[in-house]
Amino acid sequence: MENLKNKVAIITGGSKGIGAAIAEDLSAKGITIIINYANDTSQAELTVSRITKSGGHAVAIKANVGSTDEVIFLFSEVNKKFGGLDILVNCVGMAYFKPTTIAETSDEFHDEMFNINLKGTFRCLRESIQYLRPEGRIITFSTSGIALLIQGLVYIMHPRPLWKYYQEHFQGN
């Protein structure tokens, strides 16, 4: 994928932080950027504005990766508007930064983190396969894992199940 001009990329979690920096960097290489976000419309619009003011092309699409229906919506919108996908950057993730212990973490909160961090990543991988062009690429990581050094942080990514699922279903495809 040497010539990146006119390629299309979805950046999950692309409205702020490392996701936004990746979006801005890829845009500078000529890639059309889709900023995926779940809640902060103003931050997503600000990131799109920075990209377009720099001469790039970007749109924001609100879709919570914790919802299968919203992930399907995200990818079908990208397909309708751009005729396919060249790059998926999965970098959305959630962590709980309130000083707490595992013993104080509720089942509901754990389920929400598992739903976003593992199942959300899986949903995006699964949905992207049908729209990814032959030379397409998928990059998956979680920036919230960087925060593991913070004392008291409760963070669940479950990388082993994700990697095992990837190996069983996507390697060689």
Protein backbone atom coordinates (compact mmCIF):
# COMPACT_ATOMS: atom_id res chain seq x y z
CA MET A 1 0.00 0.00 0.00
CA GLU A 2 2.72 2.44 -1.03
CA ASN A 3 0.52 5.09 -2.64
CA LEU A 4 -1.79 6.24 0.13
CA LYS A 5 -3.48 9.06 -1.77
CA ASN A 6 -7.24 8.51 -2.10
CA LYS A 7 -7.26 5.65 0.41
CA VAL A 8 -9.98 5.53 3.08
CA ALA A 9 -9.32 4.87 6.77
CA ILE A 10 -11.60 4.42 9.76
CA ILE A 11 -10.00 5.39 13.06
CA THR A 12 -12.02 4.07 16.02
CA GLY A 13 -11.47 6.34 18.98
CA GLY A 14 -10.17 8.90 16.49
CA SER A 15 -11.67 12.02 18.01
CA LYS A 16 -8.97 12.63 20.62
CA GLY A 17 -5.64 11.53 22.00
CA ILE A 18 -3.48 9.09 20.08
CA GLY A 19 -6.40 8.22 17.76
CA ALA A 20 -6.67 11.86 16.67
CA ALA A 21 -2.90 12.10 16.19
CA ILE A 22 -2.98 9.00 13.98
CA ALA A 23 -5.90 10.45 12.02
CA GLU A 24 -4.05 13.71 11.44
CA ASP A 25 -0.86 11.90 10.42
CA LEU A 26 -2.64 9.60 7.96
CA SER A 27 -4.56 12.55 6.53
CA ALA A 28 -1.29 14.35 5.83
CA LYS A 29 -0.37 11.36 3.64
CA GLY A 30 -3.49 11.89 1.50
CA ILE A 31 -5.79 9.38 3.18
CA THR A 32 -9.47 10.22 3.65
CA ILE A 33 -10.21 9.85 7.35
CA ILE A 34 -13.36 8.66 9.08
CA ILE A 35 -13.28 9.71 12.72
CA ASN A 36 -15.34 7.21 14.70
CA TYR A 37 -16.55 8.38 18.09
CA ALA A 38 -19.18 7.35 20.62
CA ASN A 39 -20.03 10.42 22.69
CA ASP A 40 -18.06 13.64 22.25
CA THR A 41 -19.43 15.22 19.06
CA SER A 42 -17.64 18.54 19.64
CA GLN A 43 -14.25 16.81 19.98
CA ALA A 44 -14.88 14.74 16.84
CA GLU A 45 -15.85 17.89 14.92
CA LEU A 46 -12.75 19.67 16.20
CA THR A 47 -10.52 16.84 14.93
CA VAL A 48 -12.27 16.87 11.55
CA SER A 49 -11.82 20.67 11.42
CA ARG A 50 -8.07 20.41 12.14
CA ILE A 51 -7.70 17.86 9.35
CA THR A 52 -9.69 19.83 6.78
CA LYS A 53 -7.92 23.11 7.67
CA SER A 54 -4.66 21.30 6.93
CA GLY A 55 -5.95 20.38 3.47
CA GLY A 56 -7.08 16.86 4.29
CA HIS A 57 -10.41 15.11 3.94
CA ALA A 58 -12.27 13.84 7.01
CA VAL A 59 -15.75 13.10 8.30
CA ALA A 60 -16.97 12.05 11.73
CA ILE A 61 -19.39 9.17 12.21
CA LYS A 62 -20.93 8.53 15.61
CA ALA A 63 -21.09 4.81 16.40
CA ASN A 64 -20.45 3.07 19.70
CA VAL A 65 -18.34 -0.05 19.09
CA GLY A 66 -20.11 -1.56 22.11
CA SER A 67 -23.17 -2.00 19.88
CA THR A 68 -23.27 -4.46 16.98
CA ASP A 69 -25.94 -2.37 15.21
CA GLU A 70 -23.86 0.80 15.49
CA VAL A 71 -20.73 -0.93 14.15
CA ILE A 72 -22.75 -2.24 11.19
CA PHE A 73 -24.03 1.32 10.64
CA LEU A 74 -20.47 2.74 10.74
CA PHE A 75 -19.11 0.38 8.10
CA SER A 76 -22.16 0.55 5.85
CA GLU A 77 -22.02 4.38 5.91
CA VAL A 78 -18.35 4.31 4.96
CA ASN A 79 -19.12 1.90 2.15
CA LYS A 80 -22.00 4.08 0.86
CA LYS A 81 -19.92 7.27 0.96
CA PHE A 82 -16.54 5.93 -0.16
CA GLY A 83 -17.17 2.59 -1.87
CA GLY A 84 -15.05 0.54 0.51
CA LEU A 85 -12.28 0.68 3.07
CA ASP A 86 -8.49 0.54 2.85
CA ILE A 87 -7.39 0.89 6.46
CA LEU A 88 -9.01 0.15 9.81
CA VAL A 89 -7.21 1.49 12.87
CA ASN A 90 -8.83 -0.01 15.97
CA CYS A 91 -7.61 2.13 18.85
CA VAL A 92 -10.73 2.66 20.90
CA GLY A 93 -10.60 1.44 24.46
CA MET A 94 -11.86 2.36 27.86
CA ALA A 95 -10.25 2.24 31.25
CA TYR A 96 -11.38 3.33 34.67
CA PHE A 97 -9.06 5.91 36.16
CA LYS A 98 -10.74 6.36 39.54
CA PRO A 99 -8.44 4.90 42.16
CA THR A 100 -10.14 1.63 43.06
CA THR A 101 -9.40 -2.03 43.46
CA ILE A 102 -10.63 -5.01 41.51
CA ALA A 103 -12.71 -5.90 44.58
CA GLU A 104 -14.52 -2.55 44.24
CA THR A 105 -15.18 -3.00 40.51
CA SER A 106 -18.77 -3.92 39.70
CA ASP A 107 -19.78 -6.66 37.30
CA GLU A 108 -21.60 -4.03 35.23
CA PHE A 109 -18.45 -1.96 34.81
CA HIS A 110 -16.35 -5.01 33.96
CA ASP A 111 -18.97 -6.07 31.40
CA GLU A 112 -18.93 -2.60 29.81
CA MET A 113 -15.13 -2.61 29.52
CA PHE A 114 -15.14 -6.14 28.09
CA ASN A 115 -17.87 -5.11 25.63
CA ILE A 116 -15.89 -2.10 24.36
CA ASN A 117 -12.30 -3.36 24.59
CA LEU A 118 -12.70 -6.92 23.35
CA LYS A 119 -16.09 -7.33 21.73
CA GLY A 120 -15.96 -3.85 20.14
CA THR A 121 -12.62 -4.68 18.57
CA PHE A 122 -14.00 -8.00 17.37
CA ARG A 123 -17.12 -6.34 15.91
CA CYS A 124 -14.98 -3.90 13.93
CA LEU A 125 -12.70 -6.68 12.67
CA ARG A 126 -15.68 -8.80 11.63
CA GLU A 127 -17.50 -5.95 9.90
CA SER A 128 -14.41 -4.57 8.17
CA ILE A 129 -13.68 -7.84 6.36
CA GLN A 130 -16.61 -7.41 3.98
CA TYR A 131 -15.58 -3.87 2.99
CA LEU A 132 -11.79 -4.04 3.13
CA ARG A 133 -10.19 -3.74 -0.30
CA PRO A 134 -7.65 -6.42 -1.37
CA GLU A 135 -4.60 -4.37 -0.36
CA GLY A 136 -6.29 -3.21 2.87
CA ARG A 137 -4.76 -3.20 6.31
CA ILE A 138 -6.04 -3.57 9.87
CA ILE A 139 -4.12 -2.12 12.81
CA THR A 140 -5.42 -2.96 16.27
CA PHE A 141 -4.13 -1.68 19.59
CA SER A 142 -5.45 0.05 22.67
CA THR A 143 -4.00 3.28 23.90
CA SER A 144 -5.69 2.98 27.29
CA GLY A 145 -3.32 0.10 28.07
CA ILE A 146 -0.57 2.70 28.38
CA ALA A 147 -2.27 3.79 31.57
CA LEU A 148 -1.56 0.45 33.26
CA LEU A 149 1.24 2.17 35.14
CA ILE A 150 -1.28 4.28 37.07
CA GLN A 151 -1.86 2.86 40.54
CA GLY A 152 -5.39 1.65 41.06
CA LEU A 153 -6.33 1.57 37.38
CA VAL A 154 -8.84 -1.08 36.44
CA TYR A 155 -8.27 -2.02 32.79
CA ILE A 156 -9.47 -5.01 30.85
CA MET A 157 -8.39 -5.67 27.26
CA HIS A 158 -8.15 -9.45 27.36
CA PRO A 159 -5.48 -9.65 24.61
CA ARG A 160 -5.08 -13.42 24.71
CA PRO A 161 -8.68 -14.25 23.76
CA LEU A 162 -8.59 -11.59 21.06
CA TRP A 163 -5.31 -12.93 19.65
CA LYS A 164 -6.56 -16.51 19.77
CA TYR A 165 -9.76 -15.54 17.96
CA TYR A 166 -7.75 -13.61 15.36
CA GLN A 167 -5.45 -16.58 14.74
CA GLU A 168 -8.37 -18.98 14.33
CA HIS A 169 -10.50 -16.79 12.07
CA PHE A 170 -8.44 -14.18 10.23
CA GLN A 171 -4.89 -15.40 9.65
CA GLY A 172 -4.31 -16.27 6.06
CA ASN A 173 -7.48 -14.47 4.84
